[in-house]
Amino acid sequence: MSAPVTLRLQPTADDHRIARYAAAAIALSVVEAAIPSPLPGVKPGLANIITLIVLARHGWRDAVWVTLLRVFAGSLVLGQFLAPGFFLSLAGSLASLVVLGAALHLPQRWFGPVSQSLLAAFAHIAGQLVLARLWLVPHDGLFYLVPFFALAALAFGLANGLATAKILAGDGIKATAHAACAPESSACDD
């Protein structure tokens, strides 16, 4: 008879960092769930500020981890796991992550936290509306709500982007991102 095998997982510093950001995003999601909404599905998306901060500080891979942990753990905390709201949140988050990944390849000079936030907000709404149309409301009347959702995406995307830019400016992230640029290089000019 062989001895039992013990498997030990050692969390890394990256794991701890991602867990802290995810915890902050989950806390913001819980706070946001308590805010009354004039239209179902219209929320400020406060946790997206955390995603944008992680994207700027640590890259897309970490932003994906934080966002997916927030969606899954947040739905468990709020008792919505596998409910329609969970799938809508997941669809919106996946769409916004894809758009944020593509936005990283755009010129940094014109596409910073505010424009990334706006792109992510519109992608989030689009992902939710596509899923809602295909699964929950199989009727084109759903698209009459698009102007309201677009207005909310514009307002909240702008507010979250400005908040993110303010936070990142406070910790000097822009200067850090350009510190590696050679002084004679024009590729990093703002």
Protein backbone atom coordinates (compact mmCIF):
# COMPACT_ATOMS: atom_id res chain seq x y z
CA MET A 1 0.00 0.00 0.00
CA SER A 2 1.44 3.37 -0.98
CA ALA A 3 1.62 6.41 1.25
CA PRO A 4 -1.01 9.10 0.71
CA VAL A 5 0.06 11.89 -1.60
CA THR A 6 -0.23 15.42 -0.27
CA LEU A 7 -0.65 18.18 -2.78
CA ARG A 8 0.30 21.65 -1.61
CA LEU A 9 -0.41 24.77 -3.57
CA GLN A 10 1.85 27.68 -2.81
CA PRO A 11 0.21 31.04 -3.55
CA THR A 12 2.55 33.55 -5.15
CA ALA A 13 2.78 37.27 -4.63
CA ASP A 14 0.80 37.65 -7.87
CA ASP A 15 -1.96 35.45 -6.45
CA HIS A 16 -2.17 37.61 -3.32
CA ARG A 17 -2.23 40.82 -5.39
CA ILE A 18 -5.00 39.51 -7.65
CA ALA A 19 -6.97 38.34 -4.61
CA ARG A 20 -6.74 41.81 -3.02
CA TYR A 21 -7.94 43.53 -6.19
CA ALA A 22 -10.71 40.96 -6.65
CA ALA A 23 -11.83 41.47 -3.03
CA ALA A 24 -12.04 45.22 -3.62
CA ALA A 25 -14.02 44.66 -6.83
CA ILE A 26 -16.38 42.23 -5.09
CA ALA A 27 -16.94 44.73 -2.27
CA LEU A 28 -17.80 47.43 -4.81
CA SER A 29 -20.19 45.02 -6.55
CA VAL A 30 -21.98 44.34 -3.27
CA VAL A 31 -22.25 48.07 -2.53
CA GLU A 32 -23.52 48.66 -6.05
CA ALA A 33 -26.19 45.96 -5.65
CA ALA A 34 -27.70 48.04 -2.83
CA ILE A 35 -28.09 51.10 -5.07
CA PRO A 36 -31.60 51.31 -6.55
CA SER A 37 -31.68 51.23 -10.35
CA PRO A 38 -34.20 53.11 -12.51
CA LEU A 39 -33.90 50.47 -15.24
CA PRO A 40 -32.98 46.80 -14.74
CA GLY A 41 -29.37 46.23 -15.69
CA VAL A 42 -28.35 49.88 -15.39
CA LYS A 43 -25.66 50.10 -12.75
CA PRO A 44 -22.67 52.42 -12.31
CA GLY A 45 -20.14 49.61 -12.74
CA LEU A 46 -17.95 50.78 -9.87
CA ALA A 47 -15.98 47.52 -9.90
CA ASN A 48 -14.83 48.40 -13.41
CA ILE A 49 -12.63 51.07 -11.85
CA ILE A 50 -10.66 48.25 -10.21
CA THR A 51 -10.42 46.40 -13.54
CA LEU A 52 -9.06 49.52 -15.26
CA ILE A 53 -6.54 50.11 -12.48
CA VAL A 54 -5.34 46.51 -12.71
CA LEU A 55 -5.16 46.79 -16.49
CA ALA A 56 -2.94 49.88 -16.25
CA ARG A 57 -0.74 48.64 -13.42
CA HIS A 58 -0.41 44.93 -14.15
CA GLY A 59 -1.75 44.16 -17.63
CA TRP A 60 -4.62 42.43 -19.34
CA ARG A 61 -4.04 38.95 -17.91
CA ASP A 62 -4.43 40.17 -14.33
CA ALA A 63 -7.44 42.30 -15.31
CA VAL A 64 -9.11 39.17 -16.71
CA TRP A 65 -8.48 37.26 -13.47
CA VAL A 66 -9.79 40.06 -11.28
CA THR A 67 -12.89 40.54 -13.43
CA LEU A 68 -13.79 36.85 -13.63
CA LEU A 69 -13.22 36.37 -9.90
CA ARG A 70 -15.46 39.38 -9.26
CA VAL A 71 -18.25 38.02 -11.48
CA PHE A 72 -18.17 34.51 -10.03
CA ALA A 73 -17.54 35.35 -6.36
CA GLY A 74 -19.79 38.42 -6.46
CA SER A 75 -22.67 36.34 -7.78
CA LEU A 76 -22.12 33.79 -5.01
CA VAL A 77 -22.06 36.50 -2.33
CA LEU A 78 -25.22 38.10 -3.73
CA GLY A 79 -26.99 34.76 -4.20
CA GLN A 80 -27.26 35.13 -7.97
CA PHE A 81 -24.92 32.38 -9.16
CA LEU A 82 -26.32 30.74 -12.33
CA ALA A 83 -29.31 33.12 -12.32
CA PRO A 84 -29.96 35.20 -15.45
CA GLY A 85 -28.22 38.21 -13.85
CA PHE A 86 -25.04 36.16 -13.46
CA PHE A 87 -25.02 35.22 -17.14
CA LEU A 88 -25.75 38.81 -18.18
CA SER A 89 -22.88 40.05 -16.00
CA LEU A 90 -20.57 37.37 -17.39
CA ALA A 91 -21.50 38.18 -21.00
CA GLY A 92 -20.97 41.90 -20.45
CA SER A 93 -17.68 41.33 -18.64
CA LEU A 94 -16.33 39.01 -21.33
CA ALA A 95 -17.28 41.50 -24.06
CA SER A 96 -15.62 44.37 -22.20
CA LEU A 97 -12.46 42.30 -21.57
CA VAL A 98 -12.18 41.50 -25.28
CA VAL A 99 -12.55 45.18 -26.14
CA LEU A 100 -10.04 46.21 -23.46
CA GLY A 101 -7.58 43.65 -24.82
CA ALA A 102 -7.96 45.14 -28.30
CA ALA A 103 -7.77 48.70 -26.93
CA LEU A 104 -4.32 48.01 -25.51
CA HIS A 105 -3.04 47.98 -29.10
CA LEU A 106 -4.36 51.47 -29.79
CA PRO A 107 -2.04 54.48 -29.42
CA GLN A 108 -1.61 55.32 -25.74
CA ARG A 109 -1.47 58.96 -26.68
CA TRP A 110 -5.21 59.02 -27.47
CA PHE A 111 -6.53 55.98 -25.63
CA GLY A 112 -6.09 56.17 -21.85
CA PRO A 113 -8.26 55.16 -18.90
CA VAL A 114 -11.22 57.37 -19.90
CA SER A 115 -11.49 56.07 -23.45
CA GLN A 116 -10.83 52.51 -22.28
CA SER A 117 -13.61 52.88 -19.73
CA LEU A 118 -16.02 54.19 -22.36
CA LEU A 119 -15.16 51.37 -24.77
CA ALA A 120 -15.57 48.79 -22.00
CA ALA A 121 -18.90 50.27 -20.87
CA PHE A 122 -20.36 50.15 -24.37
CA ALA A 123 -19.01 46.63 -24.91
CA HIS A 124 -20.50 45.53 -21.59
CA ILE A 125 -23.94 46.83 -22.55
CA ALA A 126 -23.64 45.27 -26.02
CA GLY A 127 -22.69 41.89 -24.55
CA GLN A 128 -25.63 41.99 -22.17
CA LEU A 129 -28.10 43.07 -24.86
CA VAL A 130 -26.96 40.35 -27.25
CA LEU A 131 -27.38 37.67 -24.58
CA ALA A 132 -30.72 39.11 -23.46
CA ARG A 133 -31.99 39.15 -27.04
CA LEU A 134 -30.80 35.60 -27.79
CA TRP A 135 -31.92 34.04 -24.51
CA LEU A 136 -34.21 36.09 -22.27
CA VAL A 137 -36.21 38.42 -24.49
CA PRO A 138 -36.42 36.89 -27.97
CA HIS A 139 -38.11 39.98 -29.40
CA ASP A 140 -36.73 42.99 -31.25
CA GLY A 141 -38.62 45.31 -28.92
CA LEU A 142 -35.66 44.96 -26.58
CA PHE A 143 -33.70 47.28 -28.85
CA TYR A 144 -35.99 50.19 -27.96
CA LEU A 145 -34.02 50.29 -24.71
CA VAL A 146 -30.67 50.78 -26.49
CA PRO A 147 -30.71 54.61 -26.22
CA PHE A 148 -31.23 54.41 -22.45
CA PHE A 149 -28.50 51.81 -22.03
CA ALA A 150 -26.15 53.78 -24.32
CA LEU A 151 -26.73 56.95 -22.31
CA ALA A 152 -26.00 55.05 -19.08
CA ALA A 153 -22.84 53.54 -20.64
CA LEU A 154 -21.69 57.00 -21.68
CA ALA A 155 -22.33 58.57 -18.26
CA PHE A 156 -20.98 55.75 -16.11
CA GLY A 157 -18.12 54.93 -18.48
CA LEU A 158 -17.02 58.56 -18.40
CA ALA A 159 -17.34 58.82 -14.60
CA ASN A 160 -15.47 55.55 -13.99
CA GLY A 161 -12.77 56.48 -16.50
CA LEU A 162 -12.24 59.88 -14.88
CA ALA A 163 -12.06 58.27 -11.43
CA THR A 164 -9.55 55.73 -12.73
CA ALA A 165 -7.44 58.43 -14.40
CA LYS A 166 -7.41 60.42 -11.15
CA ILE A 167 -6.32 57.38 -9.12
CA LEU A 168 -3.63 56.42 -11.64
CA ALA A 169 -2.36 59.99 -11.85
CA GLY A 170 -2.01 59.97 -8.07
CA ASP A 171 0.32 56.99 -8.13
CA GLY A 172 2.32 58.17 -11.14
CA ILE A 173 1.38 55.26 -13.43
CA LYS A 174 1.70 57.33 -16.60
CA ALA A 175 5.22 58.42 -15.73
CA THR A 176 6.13 54.84 -14.87
CA ALA A 177 4.75 53.52 -18.15
CA HIS A 178 6.90 55.95 -20.10
CA ALA A 179 10.02 55.65 -17.93
CA ALA A 180 11.34 52.82 -20.09
CA CYS A 181 11.15 54.92 -23.26
CA ALA A 182 14.42 56.20 -24.60
CA PRO A 183 14.65 60.02 -24.51
CA GLU A 184 15.41 60.14 -28.22
CA SER A 185 12.44 57.94 -29.16
CA SER A 186 9.35 59.67 -30.50
CA ALA A 187 7.21 56.51 -30.08
CA CYS A 188 6.50 57.37 -26.44
CA ASP A 189 5.78 61.08 -26.83
CA ASP A 190 2.48 62.35 -25.51
